[in-house]
């Protein structure tokens, strides 16, 4: 029986998703911090919402990227 091979194309897609998640993991807290430092500014709420959406997107992409990497290594169940 031949061992399962890694799907390199799917692995690359998973690594791209993880890189995007990493990028948003650094950008989102900076945006949220900036919003909290300027609470008296009229754009406070939209900037805070943007930062929170970015943080949620980072978490989503991290899970999706990790799942994609696992699928490339072990195959779909």
PDB file of N, CA and C in Angstrom:
ATOM      1  N   UNK A   1       0.841  -1.182   0.000  1.00  0.00           N
ATOM      2  CA  UNK A   1       0.000   0.000   0.000  1.00  0.00           C
ATOM      3  C   UNK A   1       0.886   1.245   0.000  1.00  0.00           C
ATOM      4  N   UNK A   2       0.588   2.152  -0.887  1.00  0.00           N
ATOM      5  CA  UNK A   2       1.385   3.371  -1.051  1.00  0.00           C
ATOM      6  C   UNK A   2       0.962   4.420  -0.024  1.00  0.00           C
ATOM      7  N   UNK A   3       1.931   5.100   0.631  1.00  0.00           N
ATOM      8  CA  UNK A   3       1.561   6.134   1.601  1.00  0.00           C
ATOM      9  C   UNK A   3       0.920   7.338   0.922  1.00  0.00           C
ATOM     10  N   UNK A   4       0.066   8.031   1.689  1.00  0.00           N
ATOM     11  CA  UNK A   4      -0.629   9.220   1.170  1.00  0.00           C
ATOM     12  C   UNK A   4       0.370  10.342   0.942  1.00  0.00           C
ATOM     13  N   UNK A   5       0.243  11.009  -0.187  1.00  0.00           N
ATOM     14  CA  UNK A   5       1.120  12.120  -0.520  1.00  0.00           C
ATOM     15  C   UNK A   5       0.439  13.441  -0.158  1.00  0.00           C
ATOM     16  N   UNK A   6       1.258  14.431   0.161  1.00  0.00           N
ATOM     17  CA  UNK A   6       0.750  15.763   0.490  1.00  0.00           C
ATOM     18  C   UNK A   6       0.329  16.486  -0.787  1.00  0.00           C
ATOM     19  N   UNK A   7      -0.866  17.072  -0.752  1.00  0.00           N
ATOM     20  CA  UNK A   7      -1.352  17.874  -1.867  1.00  0.00           C
ATOM     21  C   UNK A   7      -0.703  19.256  -1.751  1.00  0.00           C
ATOM     22  N   UNK A   8       0.346  19.480  -2.538  1.00  0.00           N
ATOM     23  CA  UNK A   8       1.138  20.705  -2.408  1.00  0.00           C
ATOM     24  C   UNK A   8       0.352  21.957  -2.789  1.00  0.00           C
ATOM     25  N   UNK A   9      -0.552  21.839  -3.741  1.00  0.00           N
ATOM     26  CA  UNK A   9      -1.352  23.001  -4.148  1.00  0.00           C
ATOM     27  C   UNK A   9      -2.293  23.414  -3.013  1.00  0.00           C
ATOM     28  N   UNK A  10      -2.911  22.428  -2.378  1.00  0.00           N
ATOM     29  CA  UNK A  10      -3.808  22.713  -1.258  1.00  0.00           C
ATOM     30  C   UNK A  10      -3.017  23.224  -0.052  1.00  0.00           C
ATOM     31  N   UNK A  11      -1.827  22.705   0.149  1.00  0.00           N
ATOM     32  CA  UNK A  11      -0.962  23.183   1.223  1.00  0.00           C
ATOM     33  C   UNK A  11      -0.594  24.652   1.016  1.00  0.00           C
ATOM     34  N   UNK A  12      -0.281  25.027  -0.219  1.00  0.00           N
ATOM     35  CA  UNK A  12       0.026  26.425  -0.530  1.00  0.00           C
ATOM     36  C   UNK A  12      -1.149  27.342  -0.252  1.00  0.00           C
ATOM     37  N   UNK A  13      -2.350  26.870  -0.572  1.00  0.00           N
ATOM     38  CA  UNK A  13      -3.557  27.661  -0.313  1.00  0.00           C
ATOM     39  C   UNK A  13      -3.750  27.854   1.198  1.00  0.00           C
ATOM     40  N   UNK A  14      -3.487  26.800   1.967  1.00  0.00           N
ATOM     41  CA  UNK A  14      -3.607  26.898   3.419  1.00  0.00           C
ATOM     42  C   UNK A  14      -2.585  27.851   4.015  1.00  0.00           C
ATOM     43  N   UNK A  15      -1.359  27.821   3.491  1.00  0.00           N
ATOM     44  CA  UNK A  15      -0.326  28.725   3.989  1.00  0.00           C
ATOM     45  C   UNK A  15      -0.664  30.172   3.644  1.00  0.00           C
ATOM     46  N   UNK A  16      -1.243  30.396   2.468  1.00  0.00           N
ATOM     47  CA  UNK A  16      -1.674  31.755   2.110  1.00  0.00           C
ATOM     48  C   UNK A  16      -2.743  32.258   3.069  1.00  0.00           C
ATOM     49  N   UNK A  17      -3.679  31.392   3.416  1.00  0.00           N
ATOM     50  CA  UNK A  17      -4.734  31.789   4.354  1.00  0.00           C
ATOM     51  C   UNK A  17      -4.157  32.093   5.729  1.00  0.00           C
ATOM     52  N   UNK A  18      -3.187  31.298   6.159  1.00  0.00           N
ATOM     53  CA  UNK A  18      -2.557  31.551   7.454  1.00  0.00           C
ATOM     54  C   UNK A  18      -1.761  32.859   7.432  1.00  0.00           C
ATOM     55  N   UNK A  19      -1.122  33.170   6.302  1.00  0.00           N
ATOM     56  CA  UNK A  19      -0.389  34.430   6.181  1.00  0.00           C
ATOM     57  C   UNK A  19      -1.347  35.616   6.245  1.00  0.00           C
ATOM     58  N   UNK A  20      -2.502  35.484   5.611  1.00  0.00           N
ATOM     59  CA  UNK A  20      -3.495  36.553   5.661  1.00  0.00           C
ATOM     60  C   UNK A  20      -4.008  36.727   7.091  1.00  0.00           C
ATOM     61  N   UNK A  21      -4.221  35.618   7.777  1.00  0.00           N
ATOM     62  CA  UNK A  21      -4.664  35.692   9.169  1.00  0.00           C
ATOM     63  C   UNK A  21      -3.612  36.375  10.029  1.00  0.00           C
ATOM     64  N   UNK A  22      -2.347  36.043   9.807  1.00  0.00           N
ATOM     65  CA  UNK A  22      -1.260  36.663  10.575  1.00  0.00           C
ATOM     66  C   UNK A  22      -1.216  38.171  10.333  1.00  0.00           C
ATOM     67  N   UNK A  23      -1.395  38.569   9.092  1.00  0.00           N
ATOM     68  CA  UNK A  23      -1.414  39.996   8.759  1.00  0.00           C
ATOM     69  C   UNK A  23      -2.534  40.713   9.513  1.00  0.00           C
ATOM     70  N   UNK A  24      -3.728  40.132   9.491  1.00  0.00           N
ATOM     71  CA  UNK A  24      -4.860  40.757  10.182  1.00  0.00           C
ATOM     72  C   UNK A  24      -4.720  40.681  11.700  1.00  0.00           C
ATOM     73  N   UNK A  25      -3.965  39.682  12.208  1.00  0.00           N
ATOM     74  CA  UNK A  25      -3.734  39.601  13.652  1.00  0.00           C
ATOM     75  C   UNK A  25      -2.867  40.755  14.146  1.00  0.00           C
ATOM     76  N   UNK A  26      -2.048  41.321  13.275  1.00  0.00           N
ATOM     77  CA  UNK A  26      -1.242  42.474  13.658  1.00  0.00           C
ATOM     78  C   UNK A  26      -1.956  43.788  13.371  1.00  0.00           C
ATOM     79  N   UNK A  27      -2.691  43.871  12.278  1.00  0.00           N
ATOM     80  CA  UNK A  27      -3.331  45.125  11.886  1.00  0.00           C
ATOM     81  C   UNK A  27      -4.547  45.446  12.763  1.00  0.00           C
ATOM     82  N   UNK A  28      -5.371  44.451  13.055  1.00  0.00           N
ATOM     83  CA  UNK A  28      -6.622  44.688  13.780  1.00  0.00           C
ATOM     84  C   UNK A  28      -6.420  45.273  15.175  1.00  0.00           C
ATOM     85  N   UNK A  29      -5.514  44.750  16.001  1.00  0.00           N
ATOM     86  CA  UNK A  29      -5.326  45.386  17.319  1.00  0.00           C
ATOM     87  C   UNK A  29      -4.826  46.827  17.225  1.00  0.00           C
ATOM     88  N   UNK A  30      -4.044  47.139  16.205  1.00  0.00           N
ATOM     89  CA  UNK A  30      -3.574  48.523  16.023  1.00  0.00           C
ATOM     90  C   UNK A  30      -4.771  49.427  15.723  1.00  0.00           C
ATOM     91  N   UNK A  31      -5.677  48.958  14.867  1.00  0.00           N
ATOM     92  CA  UNK A  31      -6.867  49.748  14.532  1.00  0.00           C
ATOM     93  C   UNK A  31      -7.755  49.919  15.763  1.00  0.00           C
ATOM     94  N   UNK A  32      -7.944  48.843  16.529  1.00  0.00           N
ATOM     95  CA  UNK A  32      -8.779  48.911  17.733  1.00  0.00           C
ATOM     96  C   UNK A  32      -8.152  49.864  18.756  1.00  0.00           C
ATOM     97  N   UNK A  33      -6.855  49.780  18.935  1.00  0.00           N
ATOM     98  CA  UNK A  33      -6.161  50.671  19.871  1.00  0.00           C
ATOM     99  C   UNK A  33      -6.295  52.128  19.428  1.00  0.00           C
ATOM    100  N   UNK A  34      -6.154  52.354  18.139  1.00  0.00           N
ATOM    101  CA  UNK A  34      -6.297  53.705  17.608  1.00  0.00           C
ATOM    102  C   UNK A  34      -7.707  54.249  17.856  1.00  0.00           C
ATOM    103  N   UNK A  35      -8.702  53.382  17.708  1.00  0.00           N
ATOM    104  CA  UNK A  35     -10.075  53.817  17.946  1.00  0.00           C
ATOM    105  C   UNK A  35     -10.278  54.188  19.409  1.00  0.00           C
ATOM    106  N   UNK A  36      -9.744  53.369  20.325  1.00  0.00           N
ATOM    107  CA  UNK A  36      -9.927  53.658  21.750  1.00  0.00           C
ATOM    108  C   UNK A  36      -9.146  54.892  22.199  1.00  0.00           C
ATOM    109  N   UNK A  37      -8.059  55.213  21.532  1.00  0.00           N
ATOM    110  CA  UNK A  37      -7.302  56.419  21.881  1.00  0.00           C
ATOM    111  C   UNK A  37      -8.028  57.687  21.435  1.00  0.00           C
ATOM    112  N   UNK A  38      -8.913  57.593  20.454  1.00  0.00           N
ATOM    113  CA  UNK A  38      -9.613  58.754  19.908  1.00  0.00           C
ATOM    114  C   UNK A  38     -11.127  58.613  20.092  1.00  0.00           C
ATOM    115  N   UNK A  39     -11.560  58.395  21.317  1.00  0.00           N
ATOM    116  CA  UNK A  39     -12.983  58.163  21.572  1.00  0.00           C
ATOM    117  C   UNK A  39     -13.845  59.394  21.329  1.00  0.00           C
ATOM    118  N   UNK A  40     -13.262  60.577  21.372  1.00  0.00           N
ATOM    119  CA  UNK A  40     -14.048  61.791  21.159  1.00  0.00           C
ATOM    120  C   UNK A  40     -14.170  62.150  19.677  1.00  0.00           C
ATOM    121  N   UNK A  41     -13.497  61.407  18.809  1.00  0.00           N
ATOM    122  CA  UNK A  41     -13.532  61.667  17.365  1.00  0.00           C
ATOM    123  C   UNK A  41     -14.849  61.138  16.783  1.00  0.00           C
ATOM    124  N   UNK A  42     -15.425  61.818  15.769  1.00  0.00           N
ATOM    125  CA  UNK A  42     -16.697  61.352  15.202  1.00  0.00           C
ATOM    126  C   UNK A  42     -16.599  59.994  14.483  1.00  0.00           C
ATOM    127  N   UNK A  43     -15.408  59.602  14.075  1.00  0.00           N
ATOM    128  CA  UNK A  43     -15.239  58.319  13.386  1.00  0.00           C
ATOM    129  C   UNK A  43     -14.902  57.180  14.340  1.00  0.00           C
ATOM    130  N   UNK A  44     -15.093  57.384  15.646  1.00  0.00           N
ATOM    131  CA  UNK A  44     -14.726  56.381  16.650  1.00  0.00           C
ATOM    132  C   UNK A  44     -15.443  55.052  16.416  1.00  0.00           C
ATOM    133  N   UNK A  45     -16.755  55.073  16.303  1.00  0.00           N
ATOM    134  CA  UNK A  45     -17.534  53.834  16.170  1.00  0.00           C
ATOM    135  C   UNK A  45     -17.223  53.092  14.861  1.00  0.00           C
ATOM    136  N   UNK A  46     -17.195  53.772  13.696  1.00  0.00           N
ATOM    137  CA  UNK A  46     -16.872  53.020  12.470  1.00  0.00           C
ATOM    138  C   UNK A  46     -15.472  52.404  12.493  1.00  0.00           C
ATOM    139  N   UNK A  47     -14.494  53.100  13.058  1.00  0.00           N
ATOM    140  CA  UNK A  47     -13.127  52.566  13.121  1.00  0.00           C
ATOM    141  C   UNK A  47     -13.070  51.383  14.081  1.00  0.00           C
ATOM    142  N   UNK A  48     -13.764  51.485  15.199  1.00  0.00           N
ATOM    143  CA  UNK A  48     -13.817  50.371  16.153  1.00  0.00           C
ATOM    144  C   UNK A  48     -14.474  49.146  15.521  1.00  0.00           C
ATOM    145  N   UNK A  49     -15.553  49.356  14.798  1.00  0.00           N
ATOM    146  CA  UNK A  49     -16.235  48.243  14.117  1.00  0.00           C
ATOM    147  C   UNK A  49     -15.310  47.626  13.071  1.00  0.00           C
ATOM    148  N   UNK A  50     -14.587  48.463  12.330  1.00  0.00           N
ATOM    149  CA  UNK A  50     -13.637  47.952  11.339  1.00  0.00           C
ATOM    150  C   UNK A  50     -12.564  47.091  11.998  1.00  0.00           C
ATOM    151  N   UNK A  51     -12.037  47.532  13.123  1.00  0.00           N
ATOM    152  CA  UNK A  51     -11.027  46.765  13.842  1.00  0.00           C
ATOM    153  C   UNK A  51     -11.566  45.448  14.364  1.00  0.00           C
ATOM    154  N   UNK A  52     -12.781  45.465  14.890  1.00  0.00           N
ATOM    155  CA  UNK A  52     -13.386  44.236  15.400  1.00  0.00           C
ATOM    156  C   UNK A  52     -13.701  43.255  14.273  1.00  0.00           C
ATOM    157  N   UNK A  53     -14.164  43.780  13.141  1.00  0.00           N
ATOM    158  CA  UNK A  53     -14.400  42.899  11.990  1.00  0.00           C
ATOM    159  C   UNK A  53     -13.093  42.288  11.485  1.00  0.00           C
ATOM    160  N   UNK A  54     -12.033  43.073  11.488  1.00  0.00           N
ATOM    161  CA  UNK A  54     -10.726  42.569  11.084  1.00  0.00           C
ATOM    162  C   UNK A  54     -10.235  41.470  12.019  1.00  0.00           C
ATOM    163  N   UNK A  55     -10.459  41.644  13.321  1.00  0.00           N
ATOM    164  CA  UNK A  55     -10.052  40.624  14.292  1.00  0.00           C
ATOM    165  C   UNK A  55     -10.849  39.341  14.093  1.00  0.00           C
ATOM    166  N   UNK A  56     -12.146  39.484  13.847  1.00  0.00           N
ATOM    167  CA  UNK A  56     -12.970  38.306  13.576  1.00  0.00           C
ATOM    168  C   UNK A  56     -12.545  37.598  12.299  1.00  0.00           C
ATOM    169  N   UNK A  57     -12.193  38.384  11.286  1.00  0.00           N
ATOM    170  CA  UNK A  57     -11.722  37.816  10.030  1.00  0.00           C
ATOM    171  C   UNK A  57     -10.401  37.070  10.224  1.00  0.00           C
ATOM    172  N   UNK A  58      -9.532  37.602  11.088  1.00  0.00           N
ATOM    173  CA  UNK A  58      -8.249  36.940  11.364  1.00  0.00           C
ATOM    174  C   UNK A  58      -8.476  35.580  12.006  1.00  0.00           C
ATOM    175  N   UNK A  59      -9.390  35.509  12.953  1.00  0.00           N
ATOM    176  CA  UNK A  59      -9.693  34.238  13.613  1.00  0.00           C
ATOM    177  C   UNK A  59     -10.298  33.260  12.618  1.00  0.00           C
ATOM    178  N   UNK A  60     -11.223  33.742  11.794  1.00  0.00           N
ATOM    179  CA  UNK A  60     -11.858  32.889  10.787  1.00  0.00           C
ATOM    180  C   UNK A  60     -10.833  32.326   9.804  1.00  0.00           C
ATOM    181  N   UNK A  61      -9.940  33.192   9.308  1.00  0.00           N
ATOM    182  CA  UNK A  61      -8.944  32.749   8.337  1.00  0.00           C
ATOM    183  C   UNK A  61      -7.923  31.799   8.971  1.00  0.00           C
ATOM    184  N   UNK A  62      -7.623  31.981  10.246  1.00  0.00           N
ATOM    185  CA  UNK A  62      -6.699  31.072  10.916  1.00  0.00           C
ATOM    186  C   UNK A  62      -7.297  29.668  10.991  1.00  0.00           C
ATOM    187  N   UNK A  63      -8.568  29.571  11.377  1.00  0.00           N
ATOM    188  CA  UNK A  63      -9.213  28.257  11.431  1.00  0.00           C
ATOM    189  C   UNK A  63      -9.335  27.640  10.042  1.00  0.00           C
ATOM    190  N   UNK A  64      -9.722  28.453   9.073  1.00  0.00           N
ATOM    191  CA  UNK A  64      -9.880  27.945   7.699  1.00  0.00           C
ATOM    192  C   UNK A  64      -8.526  27.511   7.122  1.00  0.00           C
ATOM    193  N   UNK A  65      -7.482  28.282   7.382  1.00  0.00           N
ATOM    194  CA  UNK A  65      -6.157  27.930   6.895  1.00  0.00           C
ATOM    195  C   UNK A  65      -5.629  26.661   7.545  1.00  0.00           C
ATOM    196  N   UNK A  66      -5.839  26.532   8.844  1.00  0.00           N
ATOM    197  CA  UNK A  66      -5.393  25.332   9.541  1.00  0.00           C
ATOM    198  C   UNK A  66      -6.143  24.103   9.036  1.00  0.00           C
ATOM    199  N   UNK A  67      -7.437  24.263   8.809  1.00  0.00           N
ATOM    200  CA  UNK A  67      -8.220  23.143   8.274  1.00  0.00           C
ATOM    201  C   UNK A  67      -7.746  22.750   6.881  1.00  0.00           C
ATOM    202  N   UNK A  68      -7.426  23.737   6.051  1.00  0.00           N
ATOM    203  CA  UNK A  68      -6.940  23.466   4.701  1.00  0.00           C
ATOM    204  C   UNK A  68      -5.592  22.750   4.741  1.00  0.00           C
ATOM    205  N   UNK A  69      -4.711  23.179   5.632  1.00  0.00           N
ATOM    206  CA  UNK A  69      -3.410  22.522   5.763  1.00  0.00           C
ATOM    207  C   UNK A  69      -3.592  21.076   6.218  1.00  0.00           C
ATOM    208  N   UNK A  70      -4.477  20.839   7.168  1.00  0.00           N
ATOM    209  CA  UNK A  70      -4.729  19.475   7.631  1.00  0.00           C
ATOM    210  C   UNK A  70      -5.296  18.598   6.527  1.00  0.00           C
ATOM    211  N   UNK A  71      -6.183  19.170   5.704  1.00  0.00           N
ATOM    212  CA  UNK A  71      -6.732  18.418   4.581  1.00  0.00           C
ATOM    213  C   UNK A  71      -5.646  18.066   3.564  1.00  0.00           C
ATOM    214  N   UNK A  72      -4.700  18.986   3.362  1.00  0.00           N
ATOM    215  CA  UNK A  72      -3.643  18.705   2.392  1.00  0.00           C
ATOM    216  C   UNK A  72      -2.712  17.599   2.892  1.00  0.00           C
ATOM    217  N   UNK A  73      -2.515  17.519   4.193  1.00  0.00           N
ATOM    218  CA  UNK A  73      -1.631  16.514   4.749  1.00  0.00           C
ATOM    219  C   UNK A  73      -2.298  15.151   4.910  1.00  0.00           C
ATOM    220  N   UNK A  74      -3.535  15.126   5.381  1.00  0.00           N
ATOM    221  CA  UNK A  74      -4.191  13.876   5.730  1.00  0.00           C
ATOM    222  C   UNK A  74      -5.345  13.495   4.819  1.00  0.00           C
ATOM    223  N   UNK A  75      -5.763  14.384   3.930  1.00  0.00           N
ATOM    224  CA  UNK A  75      -6.902  14.107   3.047  1.00  0.00           C
ATOM    225  C   UNK A  75      -8.216  14.436   3.726  1.00  0.00           C
ATOM    226  N   UNK A  76      -9.273  14.466   2.906  1.00  0.00           N
ATOM    227  CA  UNK A  76     -10.607  14.769   3.442  1.00  0.00           C
ATOM    228  C   UNK A  76     -11.182  13.544   4.115  1.00  0.00           C
ATOM    229  N   UNK A  77     -12.028  13.797   5.102  1.00  0.00           N
ATOM    230  CA  UNK A  77     -12.716  12.690   5.793  1.00  0.00           C
ATOM    231  C   UNK A  77     -14.137  12.597   5.313  1.00  0.00           C
TER     232      UNK A  77
END
